[in-house]
Amino acid sequence: MTPTEIAVFVLVVAVGSATQAITGFGFGLVALGLLGWWMELREASVLLAPAGLAMNALIFLRLRRHFTWTGLGPLAVAGLVAVPLGGLVLLHVSLRWLELALAAVMFASAAQGLRRRRDDAPRTWHPVTAGVPCGFVGGLLTGAYGIGGPPVVSYLLNRPLDRFQFIAATQALFGVAAVVRVTQFVWLGQIGREHLPLVLPAVAGAAAGVTVGVHLLHRMSDRRVRQIVLWFVVACGARYLWAALA
């Protein structure tokens, strides 16, 4: 990559990290949506993995005092089982099918977020056992795209968690899954020393984005930011659908 391309990649990582720090999700959706205009989906998804892991760890460390493990066990175990399977799907399935699947995920994620109003006290609770299917599907999406948010967020939004507990829980779950994902890509030779000139600045971009996002998290409602992100995701989903059908 040229220095300009690296700078753009780092900026995208920072924007995605700030979004996730404010809303609890959205890094992969925003980053892949932006990078998809000039990078191949498979390449972008792999190269975002280390920065995504760093972002999850940094947000969790900032909010760790709000973390509670209650009800997350089945979700975490099912997700960890599915992450390597999703990684294999990313590496071996036709790019057209990957783009179609990502477009579908983006549309579903946006629809879920736009019709849901986040309250501090959920009206319904998913049983803990619902974490198994939610975690498995989330793990597949995390392994393939690094965007396991929709099923995991759906489960956690219906658990008795306040705003900060919700974000701490998502980062813990996504972070553990990201460790597996990055390890798999390194083991399979998809990420190596030749990628360090891009990966290291991207990690720094993630740190900068997290710093800004956590600052804003304590000072603003995430509702408007979430709506902007979700409508952006709709546009990006349309772009991936167009690319797959063209």
Protein backbone atom coordinates (compact mmCIF):
# COMPACT_ATOMS: atom_id res chain seq x y z
CA MET A 1 0.00 0.00 0.00
CA THR A 2 1.07 3.57 -0.64
CA PRO A 3 1.43 6.02 2.29
CA THR A 4 -1.83 7.67 1.23
CA GLU A 5 -3.68 4.34 1.24
CA ILE A 6 -2.27 3.49 4.66
CA ALA A 7 -3.38 6.89 5.99
CA VAL A 8 -6.91 6.33 4.65
CA PHE A 9 -7.00 2.83 6.16
CA VAL A 10 -5.94 4.19 9.56
CA LEU A 11 -8.56 6.95 9.38
CA VAL A 12 -11.26 4.38 8.61
CA VAL A 13 -10.14 2.28 11.59
CA ALA A 14 -10.30 5.36 13.84
CA VAL A 15 -13.84 6.24 12.69
CA GLY A 16 -15.01 2.65 13.15
CA SER A 17 -13.41 2.45 16.61
CA ALA A 18 -15.02 5.69 17.76
CA THR A 19 -18.39 4.42 16.53
CA GLN A 20 -18.03 1.20 18.46
CA ALA A 21 -16.95 3.00 21.63
CA ILE A 22 -20.08 5.16 21.49
CA THR A 23 -22.67 2.55 20.48
CA GLY A 24 -21.13 -0.79 21.49
CA PHE A 25 -21.04 -2.09 17.92
CA GLY A 26 -20.44 -0.94 14.35
CA PHE A 27 -16.66 -1.16 13.85
CA GLY A 28 -16.79 -3.85 11.17
CA LEU A 29 -19.94 -2.51 9.55
CA VAL A 30 -18.52 1.00 9.22
CA ALA A 31 -14.96 -0.03 8.32
CA LEU A 32 -15.96 -2.61 5.70
CA GLY A 33 -18.54 -0.20 4.34
CA LEU A 34 -15.90 2.47 3.79
CA LEU A 35 -13.04 0.23 2.68
CA GLY A 36 -15.30 -1.66 0.28
CA TRP A 37 -15.19 1.28 -2.10
CA TRP A 38 -11.51 0.69 -2.89
CA MET A 39 -10.43 -2.66 -1.40
CA GLU A 40 -11.52 -6.24 -2.01
CA LEU A 41 -13.86 -7.42 0.73
CA ARG A 42 -11.77 -10.46 1.68
CA GLU A 43 -8.53 -8.46 1.95
CA ALA A 44 -10.15 -5.68 3.96
CA SER A 45 -11.77 -8.10 6.40
CA VAL A 46 -8.49 -9.89 7.11
CA LEU A 47 -6.41 -6.72 7.51
CA LEU A 48 -8.94 -5.14 9.87
CA ALA A 49 -8.71 -8.08 12.29
CA PRO A 50 -5.68 -6.95 14.39
CA ALA A 51 -6.99 -3.39 14.74
CA GLY A 52 -10.40 -4.75 15.70
CA LEU A 53 -8.84 -6.86 18.44
CA ALA A 54 -6.89 -3.86 19.77
CA MET A 55 -10.06 -1.75 19.72
CA ASN A 56 -12.08 -4.36 21.66
CA ALA A 57 -9.34 -4.64 24.28
CA LEU A 58 -8.98 -0.88 24.70
CA ILE A 59 -12.72 -0.22 25.06
CA PHE A 60 -13.07 -3.10 27.51
CA LEU A 61 -10.18 -1.83 29.64
CA ARG A 62 -11.83 1.60 29.82
CA LEU A 63 -15.17 0.09 30.93
CA ARG A 64 -14.05 -3.07 32.74
CA ARG A 65 -15.57 -2.04 36.07
CA HIS A 66 -18.99 -2.25 34.42
CA PHE A 67 -18.50 -5.80 33.14
CA THR A 68 -20.62 -8.66 34.45
CA TRP A 69 -20.30 -12.27 33.28
CA THR A 70 -23.85 -13.25 34.25
CA GLY A 71 -25.73 -14.88 31.37
CA LEU A 72 -22.84 -14.64 28.88
CA GLY A 73 -21.40 -18.15 29.17
CA PRO A 74 -23.45 -19.94 26.45
CA LEU A 75 -23.09 -16.94 24.14
CA ALA A 76 -19.30 -16.92 24.50
CA VAL A 77 -18.80 -20.69 24.09
CA ALA A 78 -21.04 -20.94 21.02
CA GLY A 79 -19.33 -17.95 19.46
CA LEU A 80 -15.84 -19.37 19.98
CA VAL A 81 -16.85 -22.64 18.32
CA ALA A 82 -18.18 -20.81 15.26
CA VAL A 83 -15.44 -18.20 14.70
CA PRO A 84 -12.94 -20.55 12.95
CA LEU A 85 -15.73 -21.82 10.70
CA GLY A 86 -16.54 -18.25 9.68
CA GLY A 87 -12.86 -17.61 8.97
CA LEU A 88 -12.78 -20.58 6.58
CA VAL A 89 -15.90 -19.29 4.84
CA LEU A 90 -14.16 -15.94 4.26
CA LEU A 91 -11.08 -17.55 2.76
CA HIS A 92 -12.72 -20.19 0.57
CA VAL A 93 -16.17 -18.99 -0.54
CA SER A 94 -16.65 -17.06 -3.80
CA LEU A 95 -16.31 -13.29 -3.41
CA ARG A 96 -19.73 -12.75 -5.04
CA TRP A 97 -21.43 -14.90 -2.40
CA LEU A 98 -19.51 -13.14 0.35
CA GLU A 99 -20.72 -9.77 -0.96
CA LEU A 100 -24.32 -10.99 -1.17
CA ALA A 101 -24.17 -12.38 2.37
CA LEU A 102 -22.59 -9.19 3.71
CA ALA A 103 -25.26 -7.06 2.02
CA ALA A 104 -27.95 -9.20 3.66
CA VAL A 105 -26.28 -8.87 7.08
CA MET A 106 -25.98 -5.10 6.68
CA PHE A 107 -29.65 -4.73 5.74
CA ALA A 108 -30.75 -6.97 8.62
CA SER A 109 -28.51 -5.16 11.10
CA ALA A 110 -29.79 -1.75 10.02
CA ALA A 111 -33.42 -2.88 10.15
CA GLN A 112 -32.91 -4.29 13.64
CA GLY A 113 -31.31 -1.11 14.91
CA LEU A 114 -33.70 1.33 13.26
CA ARG A 115 -36.81 -0.30 14.67
CA ARG A 116 -35.40 -0.82 18.17
CA ARG A 117 -35.36 1.88 20.80
CA ARG A 118 -32.65 1.37 23.38
CA ASP A 119 -33.96 1.70 26.95
CA ASP A 120 -32.06 1.27 30.19
CA ALA A 121 -34.65 -1.26 31.39
CA PRO A 122 -35.39 -3.91 28.72
CA ARG A 123 -39.05 -4.90 28.36
CA THR A 124 -38.22 -8.54 27.62
CA TRP A 125 -35.37 -10.83 28.54
CA HIS A 126 -33.97 -13.56 26.36
CA PRO A 127 -33.37 -16.75 28.35
CA VAL A 128 -29.71 -17.59 28.84
CA THR A 129 -30.10 -20.60 26.52
CA ALA A 130 -30.90 -18.19 23.66
CA GLY A 131 -27.22 -17.30 23.82
CA VAL A 132 -26.35 -20.55 22.02
CA PRO A 133 -27.92 -19.76 18.61
CA CYS A 134 -27.16 -16.05 18.94
CA GLY A 135 -23.54 -16.79 19.83
CA PHE A 136 -23.10 -19.33 17.05
CA VAL A 137 -24.44 -17.05 14.32
CA GLY A 138 -22.49 -14.14 15.77
CA GLY A 139 -19.33 -16.27 15.76
CA LEU A 140 -19.81 -17.18 12.09
CA LEU A 141 -20.24 -13.52 11.15
CA THR A 142 -17.26 -12.50 13.28
CA GLY A 143 -15.03 -15.13 11.71
CA ALA A 144 -16.05 -14.17 8.19
CA TYR A 145 -16.39 -10.40 8.42
CA GLY A 146 -15.56 -9.28 11.96
CA ILE A 147 -19.18 -8.10 12.29
CA GLY A 148 -20.83 -10.52 14.70
CA GLY A 149 -22.85 -7.69 16.18
CA PRO A 150 -26.45 -8.25 15.03
CA PRO A 151 -27.28 -11.52 16.85
CA VAL A 152 -25.07 -10.71 19.85
CA VAL A 153 -26.49 -7.20 20.18
CA SER A 154 -30.02 -8.57 19.85
CA TYR A 155 -29.38 -10.92 22.76
CA LEU A 156 -27.66 -8.37 24.99
CA LEU A 157 -30.22 -5.61 24.40
CA ASN A 158 -32.78 -7.92 25.97
CA ARG A 159 -30.71 -8.64 29.06
CA PRO A 160 -30.82 -6.55 32.27
CA LEU A 161 -27.76 -4.42 31.40
CA ASP A 162 -27.34 -0.68 31.61
CA ARG A 163 -25.63 1.27 28.82
CA PHE A 164 -22.09 0.82 30.13
CA GLN A 165 -22.56 -2.84 31.06
CA PHE A 166 -23.90 -3.48 27.56
CA ILE A 167 -20.84 -1.97 25.86
CA ALA A 168 -18.42 -3.71 28.24
CA ALA A 169 -20.12 -7.05 27.54
CA THR A 170 -20.02 -6.63 23.76
CA GLN A 171 -16.32 -5.75 23.81
CA ALA A 172 -15.47 -8.71 26.04
CA LEU A 173 -17.30 -11.12 23.74
CA PHE A 174 -16.03 -9.58 20.51
CA GLY A 175 -12.50 -9.36 21.93
CA VAL A 176 -12.30 -13.06 22.83
CA ALA A 177 -13.63 -13.95 19.37
CA ALA A 178 -11.12 -11.56 17.78
CA VAL A 179 -8.22 -13.36 19.50
CA VAL A 180 -9.31 -16.60 17.82
CA ARG A 181 -9.80 -14.84 14.49
CA VAL A 182 -6.40 -13.13 14.45
CA THR A 183 -4.68 -16.34 15.57
CA GLN A 184 -6.35 -18.26 12.75
CA PHE A 185 -5.31 -15.71 10.10
CA VAL A 186 -1.70 -15.66 11.37
CA TRP A 187 -1.61 -19.47 11.47
CA LEU A 188 -2.91 -19.69 7.89
CA GLY A 189 -0.42 -17.08 6.66
CA GLN A 190 -3.03 -14.42 5.87
CA ILE A 191 -1.37 -11.95 8.27
CA GLY A 192 2.43 -11.81 8.45
CA ARG A 193 5.38 -9.52 9.01
CA GLU A 194 4.88 -7.91 5.62
CA HIS A 195 1.61 -6.47 6.91
CA LEU A 196 3.14 -4.72 9.95
CA PRO A 197 3.58 -1.34 8.13
CA LEU A 198 -0.21 -1.28 7.85
CA VAL A 199 -1.25 -3.16 11.00
CA LEU A 200 0.77 -1.07 13.49
CA PRO A 201 -0.54 2.33 12.32
CA ALA A 202 -4.05 0.84 12.23
CA VAL A 203 -3.73 -0.23 15.87
CA ALA A 204 -2.67 3.34 16.71
CA GLY A 205 -5.72 4.58 14.78
CA ALA A 206 -7.93 2.25 16.81
CA ALA A 207 -6.47 3.67 20.03
CA ALA A 208 -7.16 7.22 18.88
CA GLY A 209 -10.70 6.34 17.85
CA VAL A 210 -11.41 4.63 21.17
CA THR A 211 -10.13 7.66 23.10
CA VAL A 212 -12.46 9.99 21.21
CA GLY A 213 -15.38 7.56 21.35
CA VAL A 214 -15.17 6.90 25.09
CA HIS A 215 -14.93 10.66 25.71
CA LEU A 216 -18.12 11.18 23.72
CA LEU A 217 -19.80 8.17 25.33
CA HIS A 218 -19.82 9.93 28.70
CA ARG A 219 -21.12 13.18 27.23
CA MET A 220 -23.76 12.39 24.63
CA SER A 221 -26.65 10.13 23.79
CA ASP A 222 -25.77 7.45 21.29
CA ARG A 223 -29.21 7.49 19.65
CA ARG A 224 -28.41 10.04 16.91
CA VAL A 225 -24.97 8.55 16.21
CA ARG A 226 -26.53 5.09 15.96
CA GLN A 227 -29.15 6.29 13.47
CA ILE A 228 -26.49 7.89 11.26
CA VAL A 229 -24.39 4.71 11.36
CA LEU A 230 -27.36 2.49 10.54
CA TRP A 231 -28.44 4.54 7.53
CA PHE A 232 -24.82 4.51 6.36
CA VAL A 233 -24.87 0.72 6.72
CA VAL A 234 -27.98 0.59 4.50
CA ALA A 235 -26.12 2.52 1.80
CA CYS A 236 -23.10 0.24 2.06
CA GLY A 237 -25.31 -2.84 1.92
CA ALA A 238 -26.78 -1.51 -1.32
CA ARG A 239 -23.26 -1.00 -2.65
CA TYR A 240 -22.22 -4.60 -1.86
CA LEU A 241 -25.46 -5.93 -3.37
CA TRP A 242 -24.81 -3.95 -6.55
CA ALA A 243 -21.22 -5.23 -6.73
CA ALA A 244 -22.34 -8.85 -6.29
CA LEU A 245 -25.04 -8.61 -8.97
CA ALA A 246 -23.05 -6.56 -11.47
